[in-house]
C-alpha cells in the first residue's frame, strides 16, 4: 500500500513544473480566475497585461507570474 502511494505521489507534478524559469524562477506563478481579453492584451486583478507577455497555457487555463503589479509572463488558453 505504501509503495502504491509513493508511486502515485511521484506522478503529481509540482505547481511550477511547466512555468518557464525565465517567467518566475520557480516562484510567483499562480492560476488566474478573473482574466478577460481586452484590446491589446488581457486584464486581471485590475492590471493590464500586454500581448507581448502572453504565452499559450499548457493546461487550458489562465495563469500569471507576477510580483506585485509587475507581470513577468501571462498564460492564456489557445483560441480554438
N, C-alpha and C. Protein backbone atom coordinates (compact mmCIF):
# COMPACT_ATOMS: atom_id res chain seq x y z
N UNK A 1 0.82 -1.20 0.00
CA UNK A 1 0.00 0.00 0.00
C UNK A 1 0.86 1.26 0.00
N UNK A 2 1.90 1.28 0.85
CA UNK A 2 2.77 2.44 0.91
C UNK A 2 3.49 2.67 -0.42
N UNK A 3 3.90 1.59 -1.07
CA UNK A 3 4.60 1.71 -2.35
C UNK A 3 3.68 2.33 -3.40
N UNK A 4 2.42 1.92 -3.44
CA UNK A 4 1.47 2.48 -4.39
C UNK A 4 1.25 3.96 -4.14
N UNK A 5 1.18 4.35 -2.88
CA UNK A 5 1.00 5.75 -2.54
C UNK A 5 2.21 6.57 -2.97
N UNK A 6 3.41 6.05 -2.76
CA UNK A 6 4.62 6.76 -3.17
C UNK A 6 4.68 6.92 -4.68
N UNK A 7 4.30 5.90 -5.42
CA UNK A 7 4.27 5.99 -6.88
C UNK A 7 3.27 7.04 -7.33
N UNK A 8 2.09 7.02 -6.74
CA UNK A 8 1.05 7.99 -7.10
C UNK A 8 1.51 9.41 -6.80
N UNK A 9 2.13 9.63 -5.66
CA UNK A 9 2.61 10.96 -5.31
C UNK A 9 3.73 11.43 -6.23
N UNK A 10 4.55 10.52 -6.70
CA UNK A 10 5.65 10.90 -7.58
C UNK A 10 5.16 11.31 -8.96
N UNK A 11 3.94 10.92 -9.32
CA UNK A 11 3.38 11.28 -10.62
C UNK A 11 2.73 12.66 -10.62
N UNK A 12 2.48 13.20 -9.44
CA UNK A 12 1.87 14.52 -9.33
C UNK A 12 2.94 15.57 -9.60
N UNK A 13 2.69 16.45 -10.57
CA UNK A 13 3.66 17.48 -10.91
C UNK A 13 3.56 18.64 -9.94
N UNK A 14 4.70 19.21 -9.55
CA UNK A 14 4.65 20.40 -8.70
C UNK A 14 3.94 21.54 -9.42
N UNK A 15 3.41 22.49 -8.68
CA UNK A 15 2.64 23.59 -9.25
C UNK A 15 3.43 24.38 -10.28
N UNK A 16 4.71 24.54 -10.10
CA UNK A 16 5.51 25.35 -11.02
C UNK A 16 6.19 24.52 -12.11
N UNK A 17 5.82 23.28 -12.25
CA UNK A 17 6.56 22.38 -13.12
C UNK A 17 6.63 22.83 -14.58
N UNK A 18 5.60 23.44 -15.11
CA UNK A 18 5.64 23.81 -16.53
C UNK A 18 5.87 25.30 -16.78
N UNK A 19 5.92 26.09 -15.75
CA UNK A 19 6.19 27.51 -15.95
C UNK A 19 7.66 27.69 -16.33
N UNK A 20 7.95 28.43 -17.40
CA UNK A 20 9.36 28.64 -17.77
C UNK A 20 10.13 29.37 -16.66
N UNK A 21 11.36 28.98 -16.49
CA UNK A 21 12.19 29.57 -15.43
C UNK A 21 12.31 31.08 -15.58
N UNK A 22 12.41 31.55 -16.82
CA UNK A 22 12.58 32.99 -17.03
C UNK A 22 11.33 33.80 -16.64
N UNK A 23 10.21 33.14 -16.50
CA UNK A 23 8.98 33.83 -16.09
C UNK A 23 8.88 34.00 -14.59
N UNK A 24 9.40 33.02 -13.86
CA UNK A 24 9.11 33.04 -12.44
C UNK A 24 10.23 32.56 -11.54
N UNK A 25 11.30 32.05 -12.12
CA UNK A 25 12.38 31.49 -11.31
C UNK A 25 11.83 30.51 -10.27
N UNK A 26 10.77 29.78 -10.67
CA UNK A 26 10.12 28.79 -9.82
C UNK A 26 9.38 29.42 -8.63
N UNK A 27 8.96 30.67 -8.77
CA UNK A 27 8.19 31.38 -7.75
C UNK A 27 7.17 32.30 -8.44
N UNK A 28 6.27 32.84 -7.67
CA UNK A 28 5.40 33.94 -8.11
C UNK A 28 4.43 33.61 -9.24
N UNK A 29 4.15 32.33 -9.50
CA UNK A 29 3.18 31.97 -10.54
C UNK A 29 1.96 31.32 -9.90
N UNK A 30 0.80 31.61 -10.50
CA UNK A 30 -0.44 31.05 -9.96
C UNK A 30 -1.55 31.12 -10.99
N UNK A 31 -2.57 30.28 -10.83
CA UNK A 31 -3.74 30.36 -11.71
C UNK A 31 -4.48 31.68 -11.50
N UNK A 32 -5.18 32.11 -12.55
CA UNK A 32 -5.97 33.34 -12.51
C UNK A 32 -7.40 32.99 -12.89
N UNK A 33 -8.36 33.45 -12.12
CA UNK A 33 -9.77 33.14 -12.39
C UNK A 33 -10.52 34.27 -13.08
N UNK A 34 -10.03 35.51 -12.95
CA UNK A 34 -10.83 36.66 -13.42
C UNK A 34 -10.26 37.34 -14.66
N UNK A 35 -9.44 36.67 -15.45
CA UNK A 35 -8.84 37.28 -16.64
C UNK A 35 -9.87 37.47 -17.74
N UNK A 36 -9.79 38.62 -18.39
CA UNK A 36 -10.65 38.89 -19.55
C UNK A 36 -9.79 39.46 -20.67
N UNK A 37 -10.13 39.09 -21.89
CA UNK A 37 -9.42 39.63 -23.04
C UNK A 37 -9.91 41.04 -23.31
N UNK A 38 -8.98 41.96 -23.53
CA UNK A 38 -9.29 43.35 -23.85
C UNK A 38 -8.42 43.72 -25.05
N UNK A 39 -8.73 44.83 -25.73
CA UNK A 39 -7.90 45.22 -26.87
C UNK A 39 -6.42 45.33 -26.47
N UNK A 40 -5.58 44.60 -27.18
CA UNK A 40 -4.15 44.67 -26.94
C UNK A 40 -3.60 43.76 -25.86
N UNK A 41 -4.46 42.93 -25.23
CA UNK A 41 -3.96 42.05 -24.19
C UNK A 41 -5.05 41.49 -23.31
N UNK A 42 -4.75 41.40 -22.03
CA UNK A 42 -5.69 40.86 -21.04
C UNK A 42 -5.71 41.76 -19.81
N UNK A 43 -6.79 41.67 -19.08
CA UNK A 43 -6.95 42.41 -17.82
C UNK A 43 -7.22 41.40 -16.72
N UNK A 44 -6.48 41.51 -15.62
CA UNK A 44 -6.72 40.65 -14.47
C UNK A 44 -6.31 41.38 -13.20
N UNK A 45 -7.08 41.24 -12.17
CA UNK A 45 -6.80 41.89 -10.89
C UNK A 45 -6.55 43.39 -11.06
N UNK A 46 -7.23 44.00 -12.04
CA UNK A 46 -7.07 45.43 -12.29
C UNK A 46 -5.76 45.80 -12.98
N UNK A 47 -5.04 44.81 -13.49
CA UNK A 47 -3.76 45.05 -14.16
C UNK A 47 -3.88 44.67 -15.63
N UNK A 48 -3.40 45.56 -16.51
CA UNK A 48 -3.38 45.28 -17.94
C UNK A 48 -2.12 44.50 -18.27
N UNK A 49 -2.28 43.41 -19.02
CA UNK A 49 -1.15 42.58 -19.46
C UNK A 49 -1.09 42.66 -20.98
N UNK A 50 -0.03 43.28 -21.53
CA UNK A 50 0.06 43.40 -22.99
C UNK A 50 0.32 42.05 -23.65
N UNK A 51 -0.07 41.95 -24.92
CA UNK A 51 0.09 40.70 -25.66
C UNK A 51 1.54 40.23 -25.70
N UNK A 52 2.49 41.14 -25.57
CA UNK A 52 3.91 40.76 -25.61
C UNK A 52 4.30 39.85 -24.44
N UNK A 53 3.49 39.83 -23.39
CA UNK A 53 3.77 38.99 -22.22
C UNK A 53 2.93 37.72 -22.20
N UNK A 54 2.07 37.54 -23.21
CA UNK A 54 1.14 36.42 -23.24
C UNK A 54 1.77 35.21 -23.94
N UNK A 55 1.62 34.06 -23.32
CA UNK A 55 2.10 32.78 -23.86
C UNK A 55 0.96 31.78 -23.80
N UNK A 56 1.04 30.71 -24.60
CA UNK A 56 -0.03 29.69 -24.54
C UNK A 56 0.03 28.92 -23.22
N UNK A 57 -1.14 28.69 -22.66
CA UNK A 57 -1.25 27.91 -21.42
C UNK A 57 -1.15 26.43 -21.74
N UNK A 58 -0.44 25.69 -20.92
CA UNK A 58 -0.30 24.26 -21.15
C UNK A 58 -1.45 23.44 -20.59
N UNK A 59 -2.31 24.07 -19.77
CA UNK A 59 -3.43 23.31 -19.22
C UNK A 59 -4.79 23.89 -19.60
N UNK A 60 -4.81 24.86 -20.51
CA UNK A 60 -6.07 25.42 -20.97
C UNK A 60 -6.70 26.42 -20.02
N UNK A 61 -5.97 26.86 -19.00
CA UNK A 61 -6.47 27.84 -18.04
C UNK A 61 -5.55 29.06 -18.04
N UNK A 62 -6.03 30.13 -17.41
CA UNK A 62 -5.21 31.33 -17.27
C UNK A 62 -4.28 31.20 -16.07
N UNK A 63 -3.06 31.70 -16.23
CA UNK A 63 -2.07 31.74 -15.15
C UNK A 63 -1.26 33.02 -15.34
N UNK A 64 -0.66 33.48 -14.26
CA UNK A 64 0.29 34.58 -14.41
C UNK A 64 1.43 34.41 -13.44
N UNK A 65 2.57 34.98 -13.84
CA UNK A 65 3.76 35.02 -13.00
C UNK A 65 3.99 36.50 -12.74
N UNK A 66 3.87 36.91 -11.50
CA UNK A 66 3.95 38.33 -11.18
C UNK A 66 4.51 38.53 -9.79
N UNK A 67 4.95 39.74 -9.57
CA UNK A 67 5.34 40.17 -8.23
C UNK A 67 4.76 41.57 -8.09
N UNK A 68 3.76 41.69 -7.22
CA UNK A 68 3.05 42.96 -7.10
C UNK A 68 2.32 43.26 -8.39
N UNK A 69 2.49 44.46 -8.91
CA UNK A 69 1.84 44.86 -10.16
C UNK A 69 2.69 44.54 -11.39
N UNK A 70 3.89 44.00 -11.20
CA UNK A 70 4.74 43.69 -12.35
C UNK A 70 4.47 42.26 -12.81
N UNK A 71 4.11 42.10 -14.08
CA UNK A 71 3.80 40.78 -14.65
C UNK A 71 4.99 40.33 -15.49
N UNK A 72 5.55 39.18 -15.12
CA UNK A 72 6.66 38.60 -15.88
C UNK A 72 6.13 37.88 -17.12
N UNK A 73 5.12 37.03 -16.93
CA UNK A 73 4.51 36.26 -18.02
C UNK A 73 3.03 36.03 -17.69
N UNK A 74 2.25 35.87 -18.74
CA UNK A 74 0.83 35.60 -18.59
C UNK A 74 0.51 34.46 -19.54
N UNK A 75 -0.20 33.46 -19.07
CA UNK A 75 -0.55 32.29 -19.88
C UNK A 75 -2.05 32.26 -20.13
N UNK A 76 -2.42 32.14 -21.40
CA UNK A 76 -3.83 32.14 -21.79
C UNK A 76 -4.13 30.90 -22.61
N UNK A 77 -5.37 30.39 -22.53
CA UNK A 77 -5.76 29.25 -23.36
C UNK A 77 -5.67 29.64 -24.83
N UNK A 78 -5.28 28.71 -25.66
CA UNK A 78 -5.24 28.97 -27.10
C UNK A 78 -6.67 29.09 -27.63
N UNK A 79 -6.85 30.03 -28.53
CA UNK A 79 -8.16 30.19 -29.16
C UNK A 79 -8.44 28.98 -30.03
N UNK A 80 -9.64 28.48 -29.96
CA UNK A 80 -9.96 27.28 -30.73
C UNK A 80 -11.01 27.53 -31.66
